[in-house]
Amino acid sequence: QYGLDNGQWTRVFVPGSEAAVSVNSFDPDEGEFVMERYLL
């Protein structure tokens, strides 16, 4: 399930086994999927 905030569908993943946070967002109208990774 993705979260909806300010008209944007986003899901934040915080794994327990990897030192990285992924922020995935999807715009179905524009047909664009973006994955941003923060190596912490």
PDB file of all heavy atoms in Angstrom:
ATOM      1  N   GLN A   1       0.837  -1.198   0.000  1.00  0.00           N
ATOM      2  CA  GLN A   1       0.000   0.000   0.000  1.00  0.00           C
ATOM      3  C   GLN A   1       0.872   1.247   0.000  1.00  0.00           C
ATOM      4  O   GLN A   1       1.784   1.371   0.810  1.00  0.00           O
ATOM      5  CB  GLN A   1      -0.912   0.015   1.222  1.00  0.00           C
ATOM      6  CG  GLN A   1      -1.794   1.243   1.342  1.00  0.00           C
ATOM      7  CD  GLN A   1      -2.789   1.349   0.194  1.00  0.00           C
ATOM      8  OE1 GLN A   1      -3.512   0.399  -0.079  1.00  0.00           O
ATOM      9  NE2 GLN A   1      -2.824   2.501  -0.466  1.00  0.00           N
ATOM     10  N   TYR A   2       0.588   2.168  -0.905  1.00  0.00           N
ATOM     11  CA  TYR A   2       1.289   3.456  -0.946  1.00  0.00           C
ATOM     12  C   TYR A   2       0.473   4.502  -0.188  1.00  0.00           C
ATOM     13  O   TYR A   2      -0.761   4.405  -0.089  1.00  0.00           O
ATOM     14  CB  TYR A   2       1.495   3.909  -2.394  1.00  0.00           C
ATOM     15  CG  TYR A   2       2.752   3.356  -3.029  1.00  0.00           C
ATOM     16  CD1 TYR A   2       3.105   2.013  -2.886  1.00  0.00           C
ATOM     17  CD2 TYR A   2       3.608   4.163  -3.755  1.00  0.00           C
ATOM     18  CE1 TYR A   2       4.257   1.504  -3.456  1.00  0.00           C
ATOM     19  CE2 TYR A   2       4.778   3.664  -4.336  1.00  0.00           C
ATOM     20  CZ  TYR A   2       5.094   2.332  -4.179  1.00  0.00           C
ATOM     21  OH  TYR A   2       6.244   1.826  -4.734  1.00  0.00           O
ATOM     22  N   GLY A   3       1.183   5.495   0.348  1.00  0.00           N
ATOM     23  CA  GLY A   3       0.533   6.576   1.062  1.00  0.00           C
ATOM     24  C   GLY A   3       0.243   7.746   0.145  1.00  0.00           C
ATOM     25  O   GLY A   3       0.972   7.994  -0.821  1.00  0.00           O
ATOM     26  N   LEU A   4      -0.818   8.479   0.446  1.00  0.00           N
ATOM     27  CA  LEU A   4      -1.220   9.629  -0.360  1.00  0.00           C
ATOM     28  C   LEU A   4      -1.060  10.897   0.457  1.00  0.00           C
ATOM     29  O   LEU A   4      -1.651  11.040   1.528  1.00  0.00           O
ATOM     30  CB  LEU A   4      -2.671   9.474  -0.819  1.00  0.00           C
ATOM     31  CG  LEU A   4      -3.241  10.581  -1.707  1.00  0.00           C
ATOM     32  CD1 LEU A   4      -2.446  10.688  -3.005  1.00  0.00           C
ATOM     33  CD2 LEU A   4      -4.707  10.326  -2.002  1.00  0.00           C
ATOM     34  N   ASP A   5      -0.230  11.814  -0.047  1.00  0.00           N
ATOM     35  CA  ASP A   5      -0.002  13.074   0.653  1.00  0.00           C
ATOM     36  C   ASP A   5       0.201  14.176  -0.393  1.00  0.00           C
ATOM     37  O   ASP A   5       1.073  14.057  -1.265  1.00  0.00           O
ATOM     38  CB  ASP A   5       1.231  12.968   1.565  1.00  0.00           C
ATOM     39  CG  ASP A   5       1.413  14.201   2.435  1.00  0.00           C
ATOM     40  OD1 ASP A   5       0.450  14.591   3.118  1.00  0.00           O
ATOM     41  OD2 ASP A   5       2.514  14.776   2.430  1.00  0.00           O
ATOM     42  N   ASN A   6      -0.615  15.232  -0.306  1.00  0.00           N
ATOM     43  CA  ASN A   6      -0.551  16.341  -1.260  1.00  0.00           C
ATOM     44  C   ASN A   6      -0.674  15.858  -2.702  1.00  0.00           C
ATOM     45  O   ASN A   6       0.012  16.336  -3.610  1.00  0.00           O
ATOM     46  CB  ASN A   6       0.749  17.133  -1.087  1.00  0.00           C
ATOM     47  CG  ASN A   6       0.791  17.875   0.232  1.00  0.00           C
ATOM     48  OD1 ASN A   6      -0.234  18.365   0.724  1.00  0.00           O
ATOM     49  ND2 ASN A   6       1.967  17.950   0.836  1.00  0.00           N
ATOM     50  N   GLY A   7      -1.532  14.875  -2.905  1.00  0.00           N
ATOM     51  CA  GLY A   7      -1.786  14.377  -4.251  1.00  0.00           C
ATOM     52  C   GLY A   7      -0.715  13.466  -4.805  1.00  0.00           C
ATOM     53  O   GLY A   7      -0.769  13.091  -5.979  1.00  0.00           O
ATOM     54  N   GLN A   8       0.269  13.073  -3.992  1.00  0.00           N
ATOM     55  CA  GLN A   8       1.371  12.230  -4.471  1.00  0.00           C
ATOM     56  C   GLN A   8       1.340  10.882  -3.754  1.00  0.00           C
ATOM     57  O   GLN A   8       1.225  10.816  -2.530  1.00  0.00           O
ATOM     58  CB  GLN A   8       2.718  12.917  -4.234  1.00  0.00           C
ATOM     59  CG  GLN A   8       3.895  12.139  -4.817  1.00  0.00           C
ATOM     60  CD  GLN A   8       5.209  12.877  -4.659  1.00  0.00           C
ATOM     61  OE1 GLN A   8       5.347  13.723  -3.784  1.00  0.00           O
ATOM     62  NE2 GLN A   8       6.181  12.578  -5.495  1.00  0.00           N
ATOM     63  N   TRP A   9       1.463   9.820  -4.559  1.00  0.00           N
ATOM     64  CA  TRP A   9       1.509   8.463  -4.011  1.00  0.00           C
ATOM     65  C   TRP A   9       2.956   8.096  -3.701  1.00  0.00           C
ATOM     66  O   TRP A   9       3.816   8.112  -4.592  1.00  0.00           O
ATOM     67  CB  TRP A   9       0.934   7.461  -5.008  1.00  0.00           C
ATOM     68  CG  TRP A   9      -0.541   7.589  -5.217  1.00  0.00           C
ATOM     69  CD1 TRP A   9      -1.181   8.189  -6.267  1.00  0.00           C
ATOM     70  CD2 TRP A   9      -1.572   7.096  -4.349  1.00  0.00           C
ATOM     71  NE1 TRP A   9      -2.534   8.102  -6.104  1.00  0.00           N
ATOM     72  CE2 TRP A   9      -2.817   7.439  -4.940  1.00  0.00           C
ATOM     73  CE3 TRP A   9      -1.572   6.407  -3.143  1.00  0.00           C
ATOM     74  CZ2 TRP A   9      -4.045   7.104  -4.368  1.00  0.00           C
ATOM     75  CZ3 TRP A   9      -2.792   6.073  -2.562  1.00  0.00           C
ATOM     76  CH2 TRP A   9      -4.008   6.412  -3.167  1.00  0.00           C
ATOM     77  N   THR A  10       3.243   7.774  -2.445  1.00  0.00           N
ATOM     78  CA  THR A  10       4.618   7.514  -2.003  1.00  0.00           C
ATOM     79  C   THR A  10       4.632   6.361  -0.997  1.00  0.00           C
ATOM     80  O   THR A  10       3.701   6.195  -0.209  1.00  0.00           O
ATOM     81  CB  THR A  10       5.227   8.768  -1.336  1.00  0.00           C
ATOM     82  OG1 THR A  10       5.132   9.868  -2.223  1.00  0.00           O
ATOM     83  CG2 THR A  10       6.693   8.548  -0.991  1.00  0.00           C
ATOM     84  N   ARG A  11       5.716   5.596  -1.019  1.00  0.00           N
ATOM     85  CA  ARG A  11       5.949   4.586   0.023  1.00  0.00           C
ATOM     86  C   ARG A  11       7.409   4.671   0.447  1.00  0.00           C
ATOM     87  O   ARG A  11       8.322   4.669  -0.399  1.00  0.00           O
ATOM     88  CB  ARG A  11       5.632   3.182  -0.484  1.00  0.00           C
ATOM     89  CG  ARG A  11       5.826   2.077   0.559  1.00  0.00           C
ATOM     90  CD  ARG A  11       4.889   2.243   1.766  1.00  0.00           C
ATOM     91  NE  ARG A  11       5.179   1.286   2.817  1.00  0.00           N
ATOM     92  CZ  ARG A  11       4.551   0.113   2.953  1.00  0.00           C
ATOM     93  NH1 ARG A  11       3.610  -0.235   2.083  1.00  0.00           N
ATOM     94  NH2 ARG A  11       4.859  -0.692   3.938  1.00  0.00           N
ATOM     95  N   VAL A  12       7.637   4.775   1.743  1.00  0.00           N
ATOM     96  CA  VAL A  12       8.982   4.851   2.314  1.00  0.00           C
ATOM     97  C   VAL A  12       9.332   3.481   2.886  1.00  0.00           C
ATOM     98  O   VAL A  12       8.582   2.926   3.698  1.00  0.00           O
ATOM     99  CB  VAL A  12       9.063   5.932   3.406  1.00  0.00           C
ATOM    100  CG1 VAL A  12      10.477   5.990   3.980  1.00  0.00           C
ATOM    101  CG2 VAL A  12       8.657   7.294   2.853  1.00  0.00           C
ATOM    102  N   PHE A  13      10.482   2.956   2.475  1.00  0.00           N
ATOM    103  CA  PHE A  13      10.939   1.644   2.951  1.00  0.00           C
ATOM    104  C   PHE A  13      12.175   1.826   3.827  1.00  0.00           C
ATOM    105  O   PHE A  13      13.160   2.447   3.411  1.00  0.00           O
ATOM    106  CB  PHE A  13      11.269   0.732   1.768  1.00  0.00           C
ATOM    107  CG  PHE A  13      10.080   0.401   0.911  1.00  0.00           C
ATOM    108  CD1 PHE A  13       9.793   1.165  -0.217  1.00  0.00           C
ATOM    109  CD2 PHE A  13       9.246  -0.653   1.228  1.00  0.00           C
ATOM    110  CE1 PHE A  13       8.695   0.874  -1.012  1.00  0.00           C
ATOM    111  CE2 PHE A  13       8.143  -0.955   0.442  1.00  0.00           C
ATOM    112  CZ  PHE A  13       7.867  -0.194  -0.676  1.00  0.00           C
ATOM    113  N   VAL A  14      12.114   1.272   5.035  1.00  0.00           N
ATOM    114  CA  VAL A  14      13.227   1.347   5.984  1.00  0.00           C
ATOM    115  C   VAL A  14      13.576  -0.082   6.391  1.00  0.00           C
ATOM    116  O   VAL A  14      13.043  -0.610   7.374  1.00  0.00           O
ATOM    117  CB  VAL A  14      12.853   2.185   7.225  1.00  0.00           C
ATOM    118  CG1 VAL A  14      14.080   2.398   8.109  1.00  0.00           C
ATOM    119  CG2 VAL A  14      12.271   3.539   6.815  1.00  0.00           C
ATOM    120  N   PRO A  15      14.458  -0.749   5.649  1.00  0.00           N
ATOM    121  CA  PRO A  15      14.767  -2.149   5.962  1.00  0.00           C
ATOM    122  C   PRO A  15      15.594  -2.280   7.233  1.00  0.00           C
ATOM    123  O   PRO A  15      16.341  -1.373   7.608  1.00  0.00           O
ATOM    124  CB  PRO A  15      15.555  -2.612   4.727  1.00  0.00           C
ATOM    125  CG  PRO A  15      16.169  -1.358   4.188  1.00  0.00           C
ATOM    126  CD  PRO A  15      15.196  -0.256   4.474  1.00  0.00           C
ATOM    127  N   GLY A  16      15.451  -3.413   7.874  1.00  0.00           N
ATOM    128  CA  GLY A  16      16.232  -3.667   9.078  1.00  0.00           C
ATOM    129  C   GLY A  16      17.593  -4.257   8.780  1.00  0.00           C
ATOM    130  O   GLY A  16      18.484  -4.241   9.632  1.00  0.00           O
ATOM    131  N   SER A  17      17.784  -4.772   7.551  1.00  0.00           N
ATOM    132  CA  SER A  17      19.029  -5.466   7.225  1.00  0.00           C
ATOM    133  C   SER A  17      19.956  -4.665   6.327  1.00  0.00           C
ATOM    134  O   SER A  17      21.048  -5.115   6.008  1.00  0.00           O
ATOM    135  CB  SER A  17      18.700  -6.790   6.530  1.00  0.00           C
ATOM    136  OG  SER A  17      17.942  -6.554   5.353  1.00  0.00           O
ATOM    137  N   GLU A  18      19.540  -3.467   5.910  1.00  0.00           N
ATOM    138  CA  GLU A  18      20.345  -2.667   5.009  1.00  0.00           C
ATOM    139  C   GLU A  18      20.351  -1.224   5.484  1.00  0.00           C
ATOM    140  O   GLU A  18      19.314  -0.696   5.899  1.00  0.00           O
ATOM    141  CB  GLU A  18      19.781  -2.741   3.580  1.00  0.00           C
ATOM    142  CG  GLU A  18      20.604  -1.998   2.558  1.00  0.00           C
ATOM    143  CD  GLU A  18      19.958  -2.006   1.189  1.00  0.00           C
ATOM    144  OE1 GLU A  18      18.813  -2.493   1.066  1.00  0.00           O
ATOM    145  OE2 GLU A  18      20.592  -1.509   0.241  1.00  0.00           O
ATOM    146  N   ALA A  19      21.511  -0.597   5.427  1.00  0.00           N
ATOM    147  CA  ALA A  19      21.641   0.790   5.885  1.00  0.00           C
ATOM    148  C   ALA A  19      21.267   1.754   4.772  1.00  0.00           C
ATOM    149  O   ALA A  19      22.097   2.529   4.279  1.00  0.00           O
ATOM    150  CB  ALA A  19      23.055   1.052   6.390  1.00  0.00           C
ATOM    151  N   ALA A  20      20.016   1.699   4.360  1.00  0.00           N
ATOM    152  CA  ALA A  20      19.532   2.569   3.287  1.00  0.00           C
ATOM    153  C   ALA A  20      18.035   2.744   3.432  1.00  0.00           C
ATOM    154  O   ALA A  20      17.328   1.829   3.844  1.00  0.00           O
ATOM    155  CB  ALA A  20      19.867   1.979   1.922  1.00  0.00           C
ATOM    156  N   VAL A  21      17.559   3.944   3.101  1.00  0.00           N
ATOM    157  CA  VAL A  21      16.129   4.240   3.083  1.00  0.00           C
ATOM    158  C   VAL A  21      15.736   4.506   1.642  1.00  0.00           C
ATOM    159  O   VAL A  21      16.400   5.284   0.941  1.00  0.00           O
ATOM    160  CB  VAL A  21      15.790   5.458   3.964  1.00  0.00           C
ATOM    161  CG1 VAL A  21      14.330   5.870   3.787  1.00  0.00           C
ATOM    162  CG2 VAL A  21      16.077   5.155   5.426  1.00  0.00           C
ATOM    163  N   SER A  22      14.675   3.857   1.187  1.00  0.00           N
ATOM    164  CA  SER A  22      14.181   4.050  -0.175  1.00  0.00           C
ATOM    165  C   SER A  22      12.846   4.773  -0.131  1.00  0.00           C
ATOM    166  O   SER A  22      11.966   4.412   0.653  1.00  0.00           O
ATOM    167  CB  SER A  22      14.008   2.706  -0.889  1.00  0.00           C
ATOM    168  OG  SER A  22      15.256   2.057  -1.058  1.00  0.00           O
ATOM    169  N   VAL A  23      12.714   5.795  -0.964  1.00  0.00           N
ATOM    170  CA  VAL A  23      11.458   6.540  -1.088  1.00  0.00           C
ATOM    171  C   VAL A  23      10.972   6.346  -2.518  1.00  0.00           C
ATOM    172  O   VAL A  23      11.556   6.882  -3.468  1.00  0.00           O
ATOM    173  CB  VAL A  23      11.655   8.038  -0.781  1.00  0.00           C
ATOM    174  CG1 VAL A  23      10.325   8.782  -0.909  1.00  0.00           C
ATOM    175  CG2 VAL A  23      12.234   8.229   0.615  1.00  0.00           C
ATOM    176  N   ASN A  24       9.910   5.554  -2.661  1.00  0.00           N
ATOM    177  CA  ASN A  24       9.357   5.265  -3.978  1.00  0.00           C
ATOM    178  C   ASN A  24       8.095   6.098  -4.194  1.00  0.00           C
ATOM    179  O   ASN A  24       7.248   6.188  -3.302  1.00  0.00           O
ATOM    180  CB  ASN A  24       9.000   3.782  -4.107  1.00  0.00           C
ATOM    181  CG  ASN A  24      10.218   2.887  -4.027  1.00  0.00           C
ATOM    182  OD1 ASN A  24      11.344   3.369  -3.915  1.00  0.00           O
ATOM    183  ND2 ASN A  24      10.014   1.594  -4.092  1.00  0.00           N
ATOM    184  N   SER A  25       7.970   6.690  -5.353  1.00  0.00           N
ATOM    185  CA  SER A  25       6.774   7.455  -5.683  1.00  0.00           C
ATOM    186  C   SER A  25       6.314   7.079  -7.080  1.00  0.00           C
ATOM    187  O   SER A  25       7.133   6.781  -7.959  1.00  0.00           O
ATOM    188  CB  SER A  25       7.036   8.962  -5.588  1.00  0.00           C
ATOM    189  OG  SER A  25       8.081   9.343  -6.459  1.00  0.00           O
ATOM    190  N   PHE A  26       4.988   7.096  -7.266  1.00  0.00           N
ATOM    191  CA  PHE A  26       4.422   6.703  -8.553  1.00  0.00           C
ATOM    192  C   PHE A  26       3.343   7.699  -8.957  1.00  0.00           C
ATOM    193  O   PHE A  26       2.469   8.044  -8.157  1.00  0.00           O
ATOM    194  CB  PHE A  26       3.828   5.293  -8.467  1.00  0.00           C
ATOM    195  CG  PHE A  26       3.297   4.782  -9.787  1.00  0.00           C
ATOM    196  CD1 PHE A  26       4.092   4.773 -10.916  1.00  0.00           C
ATOM    197  CD2 PHE A  26       1.989   4.326  -9.895  1.00  0.00           C
ATOM    198  CE1 PHE A  26       3.610   4.307 -12.134  1.00  0.00           C
ATOM    199  CE2 PHE A  26       1.497   3.863 -11.107  1.00  0.00           C
ATOM    200  CZ  PHE A  26       2.303   3.849 -12.224  1.00  0.00           C
ATOM    201  N   ASP A  27       3.453   8.172 -10.190  1.00  0.00           N
ATOM    202  CA  ASP A  27       2.447   9.064 -10.763  1.00  0.00           C
ATOM    203  C   ASP A  27       1.794   8.321 -11.923  1.00  0.00           C
ATOM    204  O   ASP A  27       2.326   8.284 -13.035  1.00  0.00           O
ATOM    205  CB  ASP A  27       3.105  10.360 -11.262  1.00  0.00           C
ATOM    206  CG  ASP A  27       2.084  11.386 -11.732  1.00  0.00           C
ATOM    207  OD1 ASP A  27       0.946  10.986 -12.028  1.00  0.00           O
ATOM    208  OD2 ASP A  27       2.427  12.578 -11.803  1.00  0.00           O
ATOM    209  N   PRO A  28       0.635   7.693 -11.673  1.00  0.00           N
ATOM    210  CA  PRO A  28       0.017   6.894 -12.738  1.00  0.00           C
ATOM    211  C   PRO A  28      -0.450   7.730 -13.916  1.00  0.00           C
ATOM    212  O   PRO A  28      -0.475   7.244 -15.049  1.00  0.00           O
ATOM    213  CB  PRO A  28      -1.168   6.214 -12.017  1.00  0.00           C
ATOM    214  CG  PRO A  28      -1.448   7.067 -10.830  1.00  0.00           C
ATOM    215  CD  PRO A  28      -0.138   7.659 -10.421  1.00  0.00           C
ATOM    216  N   ASP A  29      -0.825   8.985 -13.672  1.00  0.00           N
ATOM    217  CA  ASP A  29      -1.292   9.832 -14.770  1.00  0.00           C
ATOM    218  C   ASP A  29      -0.161  10.178 -15.733  1.00  0.00           C
ATOM    219  O   ASP A  29      -0.351  10.208 -16.948  1.00  0.00           O
ATOM    220  CB  ASP A  29      -1.934  11.107 -14.231  1.00  0.00           C
ATOM    221  CG  ASP A  29      -3.193  10.824 -13.425  1.00  0.00           C
ATOM    222  OD1 ASP A  29      -3.905   9.853 -13.786  1.00  0.00           O
ATOM    223  OD2 ASP A  29      -3.462  11.522 -12.429  1.00  0.00           O
ATOM    224  N   GLU A  30       1.020  10.455 -15.168  1.00  0.00           N
ATOM    225  CA  GLU A  30       2.174  10.780 -16.001  1.00  0.00           C
ATOM    226  C   GLU A  30       2.946   9.535 -16.432  1.00  0.00           C
ATOM    227  O   GLU A  30       3.829   9.608 -17.286  1.00  0.00           O
ATOM    228  CB  GLU A  30       3.120  11.724 -15.252  1.00  0.00           C
ATOM    229  CG  GLU A  30       2.532  13.094 -14.954  1.00  0.00           C
ATOM    230  CD  GLU A  30       2.261  13.890 -16.204  1.00  0.00           C
ATOM    231  OE1 GLU A  30       2.998  13.714 -17.193  1.00  0.00           O
ATOM    232  OE2 GLU A  30       1.309  14.691 -16.199  1.00  0.00           O
ATOM    233  N   GLY A  31       2.640   8.380 -15.796  1.00  0.00           N
ATOM    234  CA  GLY A  31       3.369   7.161 -16.125  1.00  0.00           C
ATOM    235  C   GLY A  31       4.825   7.236 -15.713  1.00  0.00           C
ATOM    236  O   GLY A  31       5.723   6.904 -16.495  1.00  0.00           O
ATOM    237  N   GLU A  32       5.065   7.677 -14.456  1.00  0.00           N
ATOM    238  CA  GLU A  32       6.446   7.843 -13.990  1.00  0.00           C
ATOM    239  C   GLU A  32       6.596   7.251 -12.592  1.00  0.00           C
ATOM    240  O   GLU A  32       5.838   7.573 -11.685  1.00  0.00           O
ATOM    241  CB  GLU A  32       6.822   9.318 -13.985  1.00  0.00           C
ATOM    242  CG  GLU A  32       8.273   9.572 -13.615  1.00  0.00           C
ATOM    243  CD  GLU A  32       8.657  11.023 -13.786  1.00  0.00           C
ATOM    244  OE1 GLU A  32       9.011  11.418 -14.912  1.00  0.00           O
ATOM    245  OE2 GLU A  32       8.567  11.778 -12.794  1.00  0.00           O
ATOM    246  N   PHE A  33       7.587   6.382 -12.463  1.00  0.00           N
ATOM    247  CA  PHE A  33       7.922   5.769 -11.178  1.00  0.00           C
ATOM    248  C   PHE A  33       9.328   6.214 -10.796  1.00  0.00           C
ATOM    249  O   PHE A  33      10.257   6.099 -11.605  1.00  0.00           O
ATOM    250  CB  PHE A  33       7.858   4.243 -11.281  1.00  0.00           C
ATOM    251  CG  PHE A  33       8.184   3.529  -9.999  1.00  0.00           C
ATOM    252  CD1 PHE A  33       7.245   3.398  -8.996  1.00  0.00           C
ATOM    253  CD2 PHE A  33       9.445   2.981  -9.791  1.00  0.00           C
ATOM    254  CE1 PHE A  33       7.538   2.738  -7.815  1.00  0.00           C
ATOM    255  CE2 PHE A  33       9.756   2.317  -8.624  1.00  0.00           C
ATOM    256  CZ  PHE A  33       8.799   2.199  -7.626  1.00  0.00           C
ATOM    257  N   VAL A  34       9.486   6.762  -9.592  1.00  0.00           N
ATOM    258  CA  VAL A  34      10.784   7.287  -9.144  1.00  0.00           C
ATOM    259  C   VAL A  34      11.170   6.605  -7.838  1.00  0.00           C
ATOM    260  O   VAL A  34      10.362   6.529  -6.900  1.00  0.00           O
ATOM    261  CB  VAL A  34      10.734   8.813  -8.945  1.00  0.00           C
ATOM    262  CG1 VAL A  34      12.092   9.327  -8.462  1.00  0.00           C
ATOM    263  CG2 VAL A  34      10.335   9.518 -10.234  1.00  0.00           C
ATOM    264  N   MET A  35      12.400   6.128  -7.794  1.00  0.00           N
ATOM    265  CA  MET A  35      12.934   5.500  -6.596  1.00  0.00           C
ATOM    266  C   MET A  35      14.163   6.297  -6.149  1.00  0.00           C
ATOM    267  O   MET A  35      15.138   6.400  -6.894  1.00  0.00           O
ATOM    268  CB  MET A  35      13.324   4.042  -6.870  1.00  0.00           C
ATOM    269  CG  MET A  35      13.906   3.310  -5.667  1.00  0.00           C
ATOM    270  SD  MET A  35      14.559   1.664  -6.146  1.00  0.00           S
ATOM    271  CE  MET A  35      13.097   0.908  -6.863  1.00  0.00           C
ATOM    272  N   GLU A  36      14.105   6.863  -4.951  1.00  0.00           N
ATOM    273  CA  GLU A  36      15.236   7.610  -4.396  1.00  0.00           C
ATOM    274  C   GLU A  36      15.772   6.849  -3.187  1.00  0.00           C
ATOM    275  O   GLU A  36      15.001   6.459  -2.308  1.00  0.00           O
ATOM    276  CB  GLU A  36      14.810   9.022  -4.003  1.00  0.00           C
ATOM    277  CG  GLU A  36      14.424   9.873  -5.197  1.00  0.00           C
ATOM    278  CD  GLU A  36      14.168  11.327  -4.845  1.00  0.00           C
ATOM    279  OE1 GLU A  36      13.767  11.599  -3.694  1.00  0.00           O
ATOM    280  OE2 GLU A  36      14.367  12.192  -5.715  1.00  0.00           O
ATOM    281  N   ARG A  37      17.101   6.669  -3.174  1.00  0.00           N
ATOM    282  CA  ARG A  37      17.734   5.897  -2.097  1.00  0.00           C
ATOM    283  C   ARG A  37      18.710   6.781  -1.328  1.00  0.00           C
ATOM    284  O   ARG A  37      19.524   7.484  -1.916  1.00  0.00           O
ATOM    285  CB  ARG A  37      18.475   4.676  -2.663  1.00  0.00           C
ATOM    286  CG  ARG A  37      17.530   3.537  -3.028  1.00  0.00           C
ATOM    287  CD  ARG A  37      18.231   2.435  -3.791  1.00  0.00           C
ATOM    288  NE  ARG A  37      19.509   2.039  -3.219  1.00  0.00           N
ATOM    289  CZ  ARG A  37      19.655   1.154  -2.225  1.00  0.00           C
ATOM    290  NH1 ARG A  37      18.592   0.590  -1.678  1.00  0.00           N
ATOM    291  NH2 ARG A  37      20.859   0.844  -1.793  1.00  0.00           N
ATOM    292  N   TYR A  38      18.604   6.710  -0.017  1.00  0.00           N
ATOM    293  CA  TYR A  38      19.485   7.447   0.883  1.00  0.00           C
ATOM    294  C   TYR A  38      20.377   6.429   1.587  1.00  0.00           C
ATOM    295  O   TYR A  38      19.884   5.575   2.344  1.00  0.00           O
ATOM    296  CB  TYR A  38      18.668   8.235   1.910  1.00  0.00           C
ATOM    297  CG  TYR A  38      17.773   9.298   1.313  1.00  0.00           C
ATOM    298  CD1 TYR A  38      16.543   8.965   0.753  1.00  0.00           C
ATOM    299  CD2 TYR A  38      18.149  10.634   1.306  1.00  0.00           C
ATOM    300  CE1 TYR A  38      15.720   9.934   0.196  1.00  0.00           C
ATOM    301  CE2 TYR A  38      17.334  11.614   0.753  1.00  0.00           C
ATOM    302  CZ  TYR A  38      16.118  11.251   0.206  1.00  0.00           C
ATOM    303  OH  TYR A  38      15.300  12.211  -0.335  1.00  0.00           O
ATOM    304  N   LEU A  39      21.669   6.487   1.331  1.00  0.00           N
ATOM    305  CA  LEU A  39      22.632   5.560   1.929  1.00  0.00           C
ATOM    306  C   LEU A  39      23.151   6.200   3.217  1.00  0.00           C
ATOM    307  O   LEU A  39      23.955   7.129   3.175  1.00  0.00           O
ATOM    308  CB  LEU A  39      23.765   5.272   0.946  1.00  0.00           C
ATOM    309  CG  LEU A  39      23.318   4.860  -0.471  1.00  0.00           C
ATOM    310  CD1 LEU A  39      24.521   4.606  -1.360  1.00  0.00           C
ATOM    311  CD2 LEU A  39      22.412   3.631  -0.409  1.00  0.00           C
ATOM    312  N   LEU A  40      22.686   5.686   4.342  1.00  0.00           N
ATOM    313  CA  LEU A  40      22.892   6.360   5.621  1.00  0.00           C
ATOM    314  C   LEU A  40      23.884   5.638   6.509  1.00  0.00           C
ATOM    315  O   LEU A  40      24.043   4.411   6.435  1.00  0.00           O
ATOM    316  CB  LEU A  40      21.549   6.487   6.354  1.00  0.00           C
ATOM    317  CG  LEU A  40      20.410   7.169   5.586  1.00  0.00           C
ATOM    318  CD1 LEU A  40      19.138   7.168   6.417  1.00  0.00           C
ATOM    319  CD2 LEU A  40      20.793   8.579   5.179  1.00  0.00           C
TER     320      LEU A  40
END
